[in-house]
Amino acid sequence: MPELVQTFRFRVRLTRSATPGRTAAPPPPIPRPPSEAGAPGSAAVGPGVADRAPERLGDGGFQECAGLALEADVREYLQGGANDEVVRRVGRVRLQPLVLKRGMLVASDGGSADTSLWDWLHGMVAGGAPVPRYDGDVEVLDPAGRRVVAHWTFVRGLPLKITGPTLNARTGEIAVEELHIAHEGLRLERTP
């Protein structure tokens, strides 16, 4: 008998999209002084920015993922003289942006918060061209966390919006950041 999929265990991986002419091994990252890391506009700009982008983005530890949806436009055609029917045809598919939420992580050795998602959007804001795109995998795991029970893939994602945490000293809540990704295709893959 089939089981219902529980969604409390999942992971998201963002891997740089393949670009024409890109070599297999990515070039080393551009070194930045610690004072500039994560500062607005501190991302590299100019030709080849996409080639210097990290191969993987973030750590995959998101607490919420929304937007795993496809929606087809249906076009209606009214035929002259046929007042009792409407012909419907499938139009374009609309893709929803993916919304990923995660707690802001700070290295246990006293470092600063991970800025990789912010750096991705800052590179675009600073005029970096071409903007690095990322393909992604969203995998739902079984309760033991060993087997993938559902697997979505999306391609050529771009940062659409990033939101920092709501800061409120009275509540003591965990700081959560939110990333919106516009993409060019979403697919639910078969799992073995």
N, C-alpha and C. Protein backbone atom coordinates (compact mmCIF):
# COMPACT_ATOMS: atom_id res chain seq x y z
N MET A 1 0.84 -1.18 0.00
CA MET A 1 0.00 0.00 0.00
C MET A 1 0.89 1.25 0.00
N PRO A 2 0.58 2.23 -0.82
CA PRO A 2 1.40 3.45 -0.88
C PRO A 2 1.37 4.21 0.45
N GLU A 3 2.48 4.89 0.72
CA GLU A 3 2.59 5.71 1.93
C GLU A 3 2.55 7.18 1.53
N LEU A 4 2.07 8.02 2.42
CA LEU A 4 2.11 9.46 2.19
C LEU A 4 3.52 9.96 2.41
N VAL A 5 3.94 10.91 1.59
CA VAL A 5 5.28 11.48 1.72
C VAL A 5 5.26 12.51 2.84
N GLN A 6 6.18 12.37 3.78
CA GLN A 6 6.34 13.36 4.84
C GLN A 6 7.40 14.35 4.39
N THR A 7 7.12 15.62 4.58
CA THR A 7 8.01 16.63 4.01
C THR A 7 8.90 17.33 5.03
N PHE A 8 9.03 16.78 6.22
CA PHE A 8 9.83 17.49 7.21
C PHE A 8 11.33 17.28 7.04
N ARG A 9 11.75 16.36 6.18
CA ARG A 9 13.17 16.16 5.89
C ARG A 9 13.40 16.38 4.40
N PHE A 10 14.11 17.44 4.08
CA PHE A 10 14.44 17.68 2.68
C PHE A 10 15.75 18.45 2.61
N ARG A 11 16.32 18.47 1.40
CA ARG A 11 17.54 19.24 1.17
C ARG A 11 17.44 19.90 -0.20
N VAL A 12 18.13 21.03 -0.33
CA VAL A 12 18.15 21.79 -1.57
C VAL A 12 19.61 21.99 -1.94
N ARG A 13 19.95 21.66 -3.19
CA ARG A 13 21.32 21.88 -3.68
C ARG A 13 21.26 22.83 -4.86
N LEU A 14 22.15 23.83 -4.85
CA LEU A 14 22.26 24.78 -5.96
C LEU A 14 23.63 24.59 -6.58
N THR A 15 23.67 24.18 -7.86
CA THR A 15 24.91 23.92 -8.58
C THR A 15 24.95 24.83 -9.80
N ARG A 16 26.09 25.45 -10.03
CA ARG A 16 26.22 26.39 -11.14
C ARG A 16 25.79 25.75 -12.46
N SER A 17 24.97 26.47 -13.22
CA SER A 17 24.50 25.99 -14.52
C SER A 17 25.66 25.92 -15.50
N ALA A 18 25.59 24.97 -16.41
CA ALA A 18 26.59 24.87 -17.47
C ALA A 18 26.41 26.03 -18.43
N THR A 19 27.52 26.63 -18.85
CA THR A 19 27.47 27.70 -19.83
C THR A 19 28.33 27.30 -21.01
N PRO A 20 27.99 27.74 -22.21
CA PRO A 20 28.79 27.36 -23.38
C PRO A 20 30.24 27.80 -23.20
N GLY A 21 31.16 26.89 -23.51
CA GLY A 21 32.58 27.21 -23.48
C GLY A 21 33.21 27.17 -22.10
N ARG A 22 32.44 26.80 -21.07
CA ARG A 22 32.99 26.76 -19.73
C ARG A 22 33.85 25.53 -19.56
N THR A 23 34.98 25.69 -18.95
CA THR A 23 35.87 24.56 -18.72
C THR A 23 35.34 23.72 -17.58
N ALA A 24 35.79 22.49 -17.49
CA ALA A 24 35.31 21.58 -16.45
C ALA A 24 35.69 22.06 -15.06
N ALA A 25 36.90 22.56 -14.88
CA ALA A 25 37.33 23.02 -13.56
C ALA A 25 37.13 24.52 -13.46
N PRO A 26 36.39 24.98 -12.44
CA PRO A 26 36.17 26.42 -12.33
C PRO A 26 37.44 27.13 -11.90
N PRO A 27 37.61 28.39 -12.32
CA PRO A 27 38.77 29.15 -11.89
C PRO A 27 38.70 29.40 -10.38
N PRO A 28 39.83 29.70 -9.75
CA PRO A 28 39.79 29.96 -8.31
C PRO A 28 39.00 31.22 -8.02
N PRO A 29 38.38 31.28 -6.82
CA PRO A 29 37.61 32.47 -6.48
C PRO A 29 38.51 33.69 -6.34
N ILE A 30 37.91 34.85 -6.55
CA ILE A 30 38.65 36.10 -6.41
C ILE A 30 38.82 36.39 -4.93
N PRO A 31 40.05 36.57 -4.45
CA PRO A 31 40.22 36.86 -3.03
C PRO A 31 39.70 38.25 -2.70
N ARG A 32 39.04 38.37 -1.54
CA ARG A 32 38.56 39.66 -1.07
C ARG A 32 39.00 39.83 0.37
N PRO A 33 39.34 41.05 0.77
CA PRO A 33 39.67 41.27 2.17
C PRO A 33 38.46 40.95 3.04
N PRO A 34 38.68 40.47 4.27
CA PRO A 34 37.55 40.12 5.14
C PRO A 34 36.59 41.28 5.36
N SER A 35 37.08 42.51 5.35
CA SER A 35 36.20 43.66 5.58
C SER A 35 35.20 43.85 4.44
N GLU A 36 35.51 43.33 3.24
CA GLU A 36 34.61 43.49 2.10
C GLU A 36 33.69 42.31 1.91
N ALA A 37 33.94 41.19 2.56
CA ALA A 37 33.13 40.00 2.35
C ALA A 37 31.69 40.28 2.73
N GLY A 38 30.80 40.11 1.78
CA GLY A 38 29.38 40.29 2.02
C GLY A 38 28.92 41.73 1.98
N ALA A 39 29.82 42.69 1.77
CA ALA A 39 29.41 44.10 1.70
C ALA A 39 28.64 44.34 0.41
N PRO A 40 27.60 45.20 0.45
CA PRO A 40 26.86 45.48 -0.78
C PRO A 40 27.78 45.97 -1.88
N GLY A 41 27.59 45.41 -3.07
CA GLY A 41 28.39 45.82 -4.21
C GLY A 41 29.79 45.26 -4.21
N SER A 42 30.11 44.34 -3.27
CA SER A 42 31.48 43.84 -3.21
C SER A 42 31.72 42.66 -4.13
N ALA A 43 30.67 42.15 -4.79
CA ALA A 43 30.85 41.03 -5.70
C ALA A 43 31.63 41.49 -6.92
N ALA A 44 32.35 40.55 -7.53
CA ALA A 44 33.17 40.88 -8.70
C ALA A 44 32.28 41.31 -9.86
N VAL A 45 32.74 42.29 -10.62
CA VAL A 45 32.00 42.72 -11.79
C VAL A 45 32.92 42.68 -12.99
N GLY A 46 32.33 42.70 -14.17
CA GLY A 46 33.12 42.68 -15.39
C GLY A 46 32.96 41.36 -16.10
N PRO A 47 33.67 41.18 -17.21
CA PRO A 47 33.55 39.97 -17.99
C PRO A 47 33.97 38.75 -17.18
N GLY A 48 33.26 37.67 -17.39
CA GLY A 48 33.64 36.41 -16.77
C GLY A 48 33.17 36.25 -15.34
N VAL A 49 32.24 37.08 -14.86
CA VAL A 49 31.76 36.96 -13.49
C VAL A 49 31.14 35.59 -13.27
N ALA A 50 30.37 35.10 -14.24
CA ALA A 50 29.72 33.80 -14.08
C ALA A 50 30.76 32.70 -13.95
N ASP A 51 31.91 32.83 -14.61
CA ASP A 51 32.94 31.81 -14.51
C ASP A 51 33.62 31.80 -13.15
N ARG A 52 33.58 32.93 -12.42
CA ARG A 52 34.21 32.99 -11.11
C ARG A 52 33.24 32.67 -9.99
N ALA A 53 31.99 32.44 -10.30
CA ALA A 53 31.00 32.13 -9.28
C ALA A 53 31.30 30.76 -8.67
N PRO A 54 30.94 30.57 -7.41
CA PRO A 54 31.20 29.26 -6.79
C PRO A 54 30.42 28.16 -7.50
N GLU A 55 30.98 26.96 -7.52
CA GLU A 55 30.33 25.81 -8.16
C GLU A 55 29.04 25.45 -7.44
N ARG A 56 29.06 25.50 -6.11
CA ARG A 56 27.87 25.24 -5.29
C ARG A 56 27.56 26.49 -4.48
N LEU A 57 26.30 26.68 -4.20
CA LEU A 57 25.88 27.88 -3.48
C LEU A 57 25.13 27.47 -2.22
N GLY A 58 25.50 28.04 -1.09
CA GLY A 58 24.83 27.73 0.17
C GLY A 58 25.20 26.34 0.66
N ASP A 59 24.59 25.96 1.77
CA ASP A 59 24.90 24.67 2.38
C ASP A 59 23.77 23.66 2.23
N GLY A 60 22.68 24.04 1.59
CA GLY A 60 21.57 23.13 1.36
C GLY A 60 20.62 23.01 2.52
N GLY A 61 20.93 23.63 3.66
CA GLY A 61 20.11 23.49 4.85
C GLY A 61 18.99 24.51 4.92
N PHE A 62 17.96 24.33 4.14
CA PHE A 62 16.81 25.24 4.17
C PHE A 62 15.72 24.62 5.02
N GLN A 63 14.95 25.46 5.70
CA GLN A 63 13.89 24.94 6.55
C GLN A 63 12.53 24.96 5.86
N GLU A 64 12.44 25.67 4.74
CA GLU A 64 11.18 25.73 4.02
C GLU A 64 11.44 25.96 2.54
N CYS A 65 10.64 25.31 1.70
CA CYS A 65 10.73 25.47 0.25
C CYS A 65 9.31 25.54 -0.29
N ALA A 66 9.01 26.62 -1.01
CA ALA A 66 7.69 26.78 -1.61
C ALA A 66 7.88 27.14 -3.09
N GLY A 67 6.82 26.98 -3.86
CA GLY A 67 6.87 27.35 -5.27
C GLY A 67 7.14 26.18 -6.20
N LEU A 68 7.02 24.96 -5.71
CA LEU A 68 7.19 23.79 -6.59
C LEU A 68 5.89 23.62 -7.36
N ALA A 69 5.67 24.48 -8.35
CA ALA A 69 4.39 24.50 -9.05
C ALA A 69 4.57 24.88 -10.51
N LEU A 70 3.73 24.29 -11.35
CA LEU A 70 3.60 24.66 -12.76
C LEU A 70 2.14 25.01 -12.98
N GLU A 71 1.89 26.00 -13.81
CA GLU A 71 0.51 26.39 -14.10
C GLU A 71 0.40 26.67 -15.59
N ALA A 72 -0.54 26.01 -16.25
CA ALA A 72 -0.72 26.19 -17.69
C ALA A 72 -1.82 27.22 -17.95
N ASP A 73 -1.56 28.10 -18.89
CA ASP A 73 -2.61 29.02 -19.36
C ASP A 73 -3.53 28.23 -20.28
N VAL A 74 -4.81 28.45 -20.14
CA VAL A 74 -5.78 27.85 -21.04
C VAL A 74 -6.42 28.99 -21.83
N ARG A 75 -6.35 28.89 -23.13
CA ARG A 75 -6.91 29.92 -24.00
C ARG A 75 -8.29 29.47 -24.50
N GLU A 76 -9.20 30.40 -24.47
CA GLU A 76 -10.55 30.11 -24.94
C GLU A 76 -10.77 30.72 -26.32
N TYR A 77 -11.35 29.94 -27.21
CA TYR A 77 -11.67 30.40 -28.56
C TYR A 77 -13.18 30.29 -28.75
N LEU A 78 -13.80 31.40 -29.08
CA LEU A 78 -15.23 31.41 -29.32
C LEU A 78 -15.47 31.29 -30.82
N GLN A 79 -16.26 30.31 -31.18
CA GLN A 79 -16.54 30.10 -32.60
C GLN A 79 -17.87 30.75 -32.95
N GLY A 80 -17.87 31.43 -34.06
CA GLY A 80 -19.10 32.07 -34.51
C GLY A 80 -20.20 31.05 -34.75
N GLY A 81 -21.39 31.33 -34.23
CA GLY A 81 -22.54 30.47 -34.44
C GLY A 81 -22.63 29.32 -33.45
N ALA A 82 -21.57 29.03 -32.70
CA ALA A 82 -21.60 27.95 -31.71
C ALA A 82 -21.71 28.59 -30.33
N ASN A 83 -22.94 28.93 -29.94
CA ASN A 83 -23.15 29.65 -28.68
C ASN A 83 -23.17 28.74 -27.47
N ASP A 84 -23.20 27.44 -27.66
CA ASP A 84 -23.30 26.53 -26.53
C ASP A 84 -21.99 25.82 -26.20
N GLU A 85 -20.87 26.28 -26.76
CA GLU A 85 -19.59 25.64 -26.45
C GLU A 85 -18.45 26.64 -26.59
N VAL A 86 -17.38 26.33 -25.90
CA VAL A 86 -16.15 27.12 -25.97
C VAL A 86 -15.02 26.13 -26.23
N VAL A 87 -14.17 26.44 -27.20
CA VAL A 87 -13.02 25.59 -27.48
C VAL A 87 -11.86 26.08 -26.62
N ARG A 88 -11.24 25.16 -25.91
CA ARG A 88 -10.12 25.51 -25.04
C ARG A 88 -8.85 24.82 -25.53
N ARG A 89 -7.77 25.58 -25.56
CA ARG A 89 -6.46 25.06 -25.96
C ARG A 89 -5.45 25.41 -24.89
N VAL A 90 -4.45 24.57 -24.77
CA VAL A 90 -3.38 24.81 -23.81
C VAL A 90 -2.47 25.90 -24.34
N GLY A 91 -2.15 26.86 -23.48
CA GLY A 91 -1.23 27.94 -23.84
C GLY A 91 0.13 27.70 -23.19
N ARG A 92 0.77 28.75 -22.82
CA ARG A 92 2.10 28.67 -22.20
C ARG A 92 2.01 28.20 -20.75
N VAL A 93 3.11 27.64 -20.29
CA VAL A 93 3.22 27.24 -18.89
C VAL A 93 3.84 28.38 -18.11
N ARG A 94 3.27 28.68 -16.96
CA ARG A 94 3.83 29.71 -16.08
C ARG A 94 4.57 29.02 -14.93
N LEU A 95 5.75 29.51 -14.66
CA LEU A 95 6.58 28.96 -13.60
C LEU A 95 6.53 29.89 -12.39
N GLN A 96 6.30 29.32 -11.24
CA GLN A 96 6.32 30.10 -10.00
C GLN A 96 7.75 30.25 -9.52
N PRO A 97 8.11 31.37 -8.92
CA PRO A 97 9.45 31.44 -8.32
C PRO A 97 9.53 30.50 -7.12
N LEU A 98 10.69 29.93 -6.93
CA LEU A 98 10.92 29.11 -5.74
C LEU A 98 11.24 30.04 -4.58
N VAL A 99 10.73 29.73 -3.42
CA VAL A 99 10.99 30.51 -2.22
C VAL A 99 11.65 29.59 -1.20
N LEU A 100 12.89 29.90 -0.85
CA LEU A 100 13.65 29.09 0.10
C LEU A 100 13.89 29.91 1.36
N LYS A 101 13.63 29.31 2.51
CA LYS A 101 13.86 29.98 3.79
C LYS A 101 14.84 29.16 4.60
N ARG A 102 15.72 29.88 5.31
CA ARG A 102 16.68 29.20 6.18
C ARG A 102 17.06 30.11 7.33
N GLY A 103 17.46 29.49 8.41
CA GLY A 103 18.00 30.24 9.53
C GLY A 103 19.38 30.75 9.17
N MET A 104 19.70 31.97 9.60
CA MET A 104 21.03 32.51 9.32
C MET A 104 22.04 31.75 10.18
N LEU A 105 23.05 31.22 9.53
CA LEU A 105 24.05 30.40 10.22
C LEU A 105 25.32 31.20 10.44
N VAL A 106 25.90 31.00 11.61
CA VAL A 106 27.18 31.60 11.95
C VAL A 106 28.11 30.46 12.31
N ALA A 107 29.33 30.51 11.79
CA ALA A 107 30.31 29.45 12.08
C ALA A 107 30.51 29.33 13.59
N SER A 108 30.66 28.10 14.06
CA SER A 108 30.80 27.86 15.50
C SER A 108 32.10 28.44 16.06
N ASP A 109 33.06 28.77 15.20
CA ASP A 109 34.32 29.34 15.67
C ASP A 109 34.23 30.86 15.84
N GLY A 110 33.01 31.40 15.79
CA GLY A 110 32.84 32.83 16.01
C GLY A 110 32.90 33.66 14.75
N GLY A 111 32.80 33.04 13.58
CA GLY A 111 32.84 33.78 12.32
C GLY A 111 31.58 34.58 12.09
N SER A 112 31.42 35.08 10.88
CA SER A 112 30.23 35.86 10.54
C SER A 112 29.24 34.99 9.77
N ALA A 113 28.06 35.53 9.52
CA ALA A 113 27.00 34.80 8.82
C ALA A 113 27.42 34.48 7.39
N ASP A 114 26.89 33.37 6.86
CA ASP A 114 27.15 32.96 5.47
C ASP A 114 26.52 33.99 4.54
N THR A 115 27.31 34.57 3.64
CA THR A 115 26.82 35.63 2.74
C THR A 115 26.67 35.17 1.30
N SER A 116 26.81 33.88 1.03
CA SER A 116 26.85 33.42 -0.36
C SER A 116 25.57 33.75 -1.14
N LEU A 117 24.40 33.63 -0.51
CA LEU A 117 23.16 33.95 -1.22
C LEU A 117 23.06 35.45 -1.49
N TRP A 118 23.47 36.26 -0.53
CA TRP A 118 23.47 37.71 -0.71
C TRP A 118 24.47 38.11 -1.78
N ASP A 119 25.64 37.48 -1.80
CA ASP A 119 26.66 37.80 -2.80
C ASP A 119 26.14 37.54 -4.21
N TRP A 120 25.34 36.49 -4.38
CA TRP A 120 24.77 36.16 -5.69
C TRP A 120 23.92 37.32 -6.21
N LEU A 121 23.04 37.84 -5.37
CA LEU A 121 22.19 38.95 -5.79
C LEU A 121 22.99 40.24 -5.91
N HIS A 122 23.94 40.48 -5.01
CA HIS A 122 24.75 41.70 -5.09
C HIS A 122 25.56 41.75 -6.39
N GLY A 123 26.01 40.60 -6.88
CA GLY A 123 26.73 40.56 -8.14
C GLY A 123 25.88 41.08 -9.29
N MET A 124 24.59 40.76 -9.25
CA MET A 124 23.67 41.23 -10.29
C MET A 124 23.40 42.72 -10.12
N VAL A 125 23.19 43.17 -8.89
CA VAL A 125 22.91 44.58 -8.62
C VAL A 125 24.10 45.45 -9.01
N ALA A 126 25.32 44.94 -8.78
CA ALA A 126 26.54 45.70 -9.08
C ALA A 126 26.86 45.73 -10.57
N GLY A 127 26.06 45.07 -11.38
CA GLY A 127 26.27 45.11 -12.82
C GLY A 127 27.15 44.00 -13.34
N GLY A 128 27.36 42.96 -12.56
CA GLY A 128 28.17 41.83 -13.02
C GLY A 128 27.50 41.16 -14.21
N ALA A 129 28.25 40.86 -15.23
CA ALA A 129 27.68 40.23 -16.42
C ALA A 129 28.63 39.17 -16.92
N PRO A 130 28.18 38.03 -17.31
CA PRO A 130 26.81 37.57 -17.13
C PRO A 130 26.57 37.13 -15.69
N VAL A 131 25.32 37.20 -15.26
CA VAL A 131 24.97 36.79 -13.90
C VAL A 131 25.05 35.27 -13.83
N PRO A 132 25.74 34.72 -12.84
CA PRO A 132 25.80 33.26 -12.74
C PRO A 132 24.42 32.69 -12.46
N ARG A 133 24.12 31.62 -13.15
CA ARG A 133 22.84 30.92 -12.95
C ARG A 133 23.12 29.59 -12.26
N TYR A 134 22.13 29.14 -11.51
CA TYR A 134 22.28 27.89 -10.77
C TYR A 134 21.12 26.96 -11.06
N ASP A 135 21.45 25.69 -11.28
CA ASP A 135 20.46 24.63 -11.36
C ASP A 135 20.26 24.12 -9.94
N GLY A 136 19.11 23.53 -9.68
CA GLY A 136 18.86 23.08 -8.32
C GLY A 136 18.15 21.75 -8.24
N ASP A 137 18.36 21.10 -7.12
CA ASP A 137 17.69 19.86 -6.77
C ASP A 137 17.00 20.07 -5.44
N VAL A 138 15.73 19.68 -5.36
CA VAL A 138 15.00 19.68 -4.10
C VAL A 138 14.63 18.23 -3.85
N GLU A 139 15.17 17.66 -2.80
CA GLU A 139 14.96 16.24 -2.51
C GLU A 139 14.26 16.07 -1.17
N VAL A 140 13.14 15.35 -1.18
CA VAL A 140 12.44 15.00 0.05
C VAL A 140 12.94 13.62 0.46
N LEU A 141 13.34 13.50 1.72
CA LEU A 141 13.92 12.26 2.23
C LEU A 141 12.91 11.50 3.08
N ASP A 142 13.13 10.20 3.21
CA ASP A 142 12.28 9.40 4.08
C ASP A 142 12.53 9.81 5.54
N PRO A 143 11.69 9.37 6.48
CA PRO A 143 11.86 9.79 7.88
C PRO A 143 13.24 9.49 8.46
N ALA A 144 13.91 8.46 7.97
CA ALA A 144 15.25 8.14 8.46
C ALA A 144 16.31 9.03 7.82
N GLY A 145 15.96 9.75 6.75
CA GLY A 145 16.90 10.63 6.08
C GLY A 145 17.88 9.92 5.17
N ARG A 146 17.57 8.68 4.76
CA ARG A 146 18.50 7.89 3.95
C ARG A 146 18.10 7.78 2.48
N ARG A 147 16.81 7.76 2.20
CA ARG A 147 16.33 7.50 0.85
C ARG A 147 15.55 8.70 0.33
N VAL A 148 15.80 9.05 -0.94
CA VAL A 148 15.06 10.14 -1.59
C VAL A 148 13.71 9.59 -2.05
N VAL A 149 12.62 10.21 -1.59
CA VAL A 149 11.29 9.74 -1.98
C VAL A 149 10.62 10.66 -3.00
N ALA A 150 11.10 11.87 -3.14
CA ALA A 150 10.61 12.80 -4.17
C ALA A 150 11.77 13.71 -4.54
N HIS A 151 11.89 14.03 -5.84
CA HIS A 151 13.05 14.79 -6.32
C HIS A 151 12.61 15.74 -7.43
N TRP A 152 12.69 17.04 -7.18
CA TRP A 152 12.41 18.05 -8.19
C TRP A 152 13.73 18.64 -8.66
N THR A 153 13.79 19.00 -9.93
CA THR A 153 14.95 19.73 -10.45
C THR A 153 14.45 21.01 -11.11
N PHE A 154 15.23 22.06 -10.97
CA PHE A 154 14.94 23.28 -11.71
C PHE A 154 16.22 23.73 -12.39
N VAL A 155 16.07 24.50 -13.48
CA VAL A 155 17.24 24.88 -14.28
C VAL A 155 17.34 26.39 -14.43
N ARG A 156 18.59 26.84 -14.54
CA ARG A 156 18.97 28.21 -14.85
C ARG A 156 18.31 29.23 -13.92
N GLY A 157 18.44 29.01 -12.62
CA GLY A 157 17.87 29.91 -11.64
C GLY A 157 18.62 31.22 -11.52
N LEU A 158 17.87 32.28 -11.31
CA LEU A 158 18.41 33.63 -11.08
C LEU A 158 17.84 34.16 -9.77
N PRO A 159 18.63 34.95 -9.03
CA PRO A 159 18.09 35.51 -7.79
C PRO A 159 17.06 36.58 -8.10
N LEU A 160 15.89 36.44 -7.57
CA LEU A 160 14.81 37.39 -7.80
C LEU A 160 14.68 38.36 -6.63
N LYS A 161 14.87 37.82 -5.43
CA LYS A 161 14.69 38.64 -4.23
C LYS A 161 15.35 37.91 -3.06
N ILE A 162 15.95 38.67 -2.17
CA ILE A 162 16.44 38.09 -0.93
C ILE A 162 16.00 39.01 0.20
N THR A 163 15.52 38.41 1.27
CA THR A 163 15.01 39.16 2.40
C THR A 163 15.75 38.72 3.65
N GLY A 164 16.25 39.68 4.38
CA GLY A 164 16.92 39.38 5.64
C GLY A 164 15.90 39.13 6.74
N PRO A 165 16.38 38.78 7.91
CA PRO A 165 15.47 38.45 9.01
C PRO A 165 14.76 39.68 9.56
N THR A 166 13.60 39.43 10.15
CA THR A 166 12.91 40.46 10.91
C THR A 166 13.55 40.46 12.29
N LEU A 167 14.08 41.58 12.70
CA LEU A 167 14.80 41.65 13.96
C LEU A 167 13.89 42.21 15.05
N ASN A 168 13.72 41.44 16.12
CA ASN A 168 12.88 41.85 17.23
C ASN A 168 13.52 41.31 18.51
N ALA A 169 14.08 42.20 19.31
CA ALA A 169 14.80 41.79 20.52
C ALA A 169 13.87 41.20 21.58
N ARG A 170 12.58 41.47 21.51
CA ARG A 170 11.66 40.98 22.52
C ARG A 170 11.28 39.52 22.35
N THR A 171 11.33 38.99 21.13
CA THR A 171 10.84 37.63 20.91
C THR A 171 11.91 36.57 21.00
N GLY A 172 13.15 36.91 20.65
CA GLY A 172 14.22 35.91 20.69
C GLY A 172 14.09 34.84 19.62
N GLU A 173 13.37 35.13 18.53
CA GLU A 173 13.18 34.15 17.47
C GLU A 173 14.47 33.97 16.67
N ILE A 174 14.56 32.85 15.97
CA ILE A 174 15.71 32.58 15.11
C ILE A 174 15.65 33.51 13.91
N ALA A 175 16.80 34.06 13.53
CA ALA A 175 16.89 34.94 12.36
C ALA A 175 16.75 34.09 11.10
N VAL A 176 15.76 34.40 10.27
CA VAL A 176 15.48 33.62 9.06
C VAL A 176 15.62 34.53 7.85
N GLU A 177 16.35 34.05 6.83
CA GLU A 177 16.44 34.79 5.57
C GLU A 177 15.68 34.01 4.51
N GLU A 178 15.23 34.74 3.49
CA GLU A 178 14.37 34.16 2.45
C GLU A 178 14.93 34.52 1.08
N LEU A 179 15.07 33.53 0.21
CA LEU A 179 15.58 33.72 -1.14
C LEU A 179 14.51 33.31 -2.15
N HIS A 180 14.23 34.18 -3.12
CA HIS A 180 13.30 33.88 -4.21
C HIS A 180 14.13 33.65 -5.46
N ILE A 181 13.88 32.55 -6.16
CA ILE A 181 14.64 32.20 -7.36
C ILE A 181 13.68 32.07 -8.54
N ALA A 182 13.92 32.86 -9.59
CA ALA A 182 13.21 32.69 -10.86
C ALA A 182 13.99 31.66 -11.67
N HIS A 183 13.31 30.75 -12.31
CA HIS A 183 13.99 29.67 -13.04
C HIS A 183 13.33 29.46 -14.40
N GLU A 184 13.95 28.58 -15.20
CA GLU A 184 13.46 28.36 -16.56
C GLU A 184 12.89 26.97 -16.78
N GLY A 185 12.62 26.24 -15.74
CA GLY A 185 12.01 24.93 -15.89
C GLY A 185 12.03 24.16 -14.59
N LEU A 186 10.95 23.43 -14.33
CA LEU A 186 10.80 22.63 -13.11
C LEU A 186 10.28 21.26 -13.50
N ARG A 187 10.84 20.24 -12.89
CA ARG A 187 10.44 18.87 -13.24
C ARG A 187 10.47 18.00 -11.99
N LEU A 188 9.44 17.17 -11.83
CA LEU A 188 9.43 16.15 -10.79
C LEU A 188 10.03 14.89 -11.39
N GLU A 189 11.17 14.47 -10.88
CA GLU A 189 11.90 13.32 -11.42
C GLU A 189 11.40 12.02 -10.78
N ARG A 190 11.54 10.94 -11.51
CA ARG A 190 11.25 9.62 -10.94
C ARG A 190 12.39 9.23 -10.03
N THR A 191 12.06 8.66 -8.88
CA THR A 191 13.10 8.20 -7.96
C THR A 191 13.13 6.67 -8.00
N PRO A 192 14.33 6.09 -7.87
CA PRO A 192 14.42 4.62 -7.94
C PRO A 192 13.78 3.94 -6.75
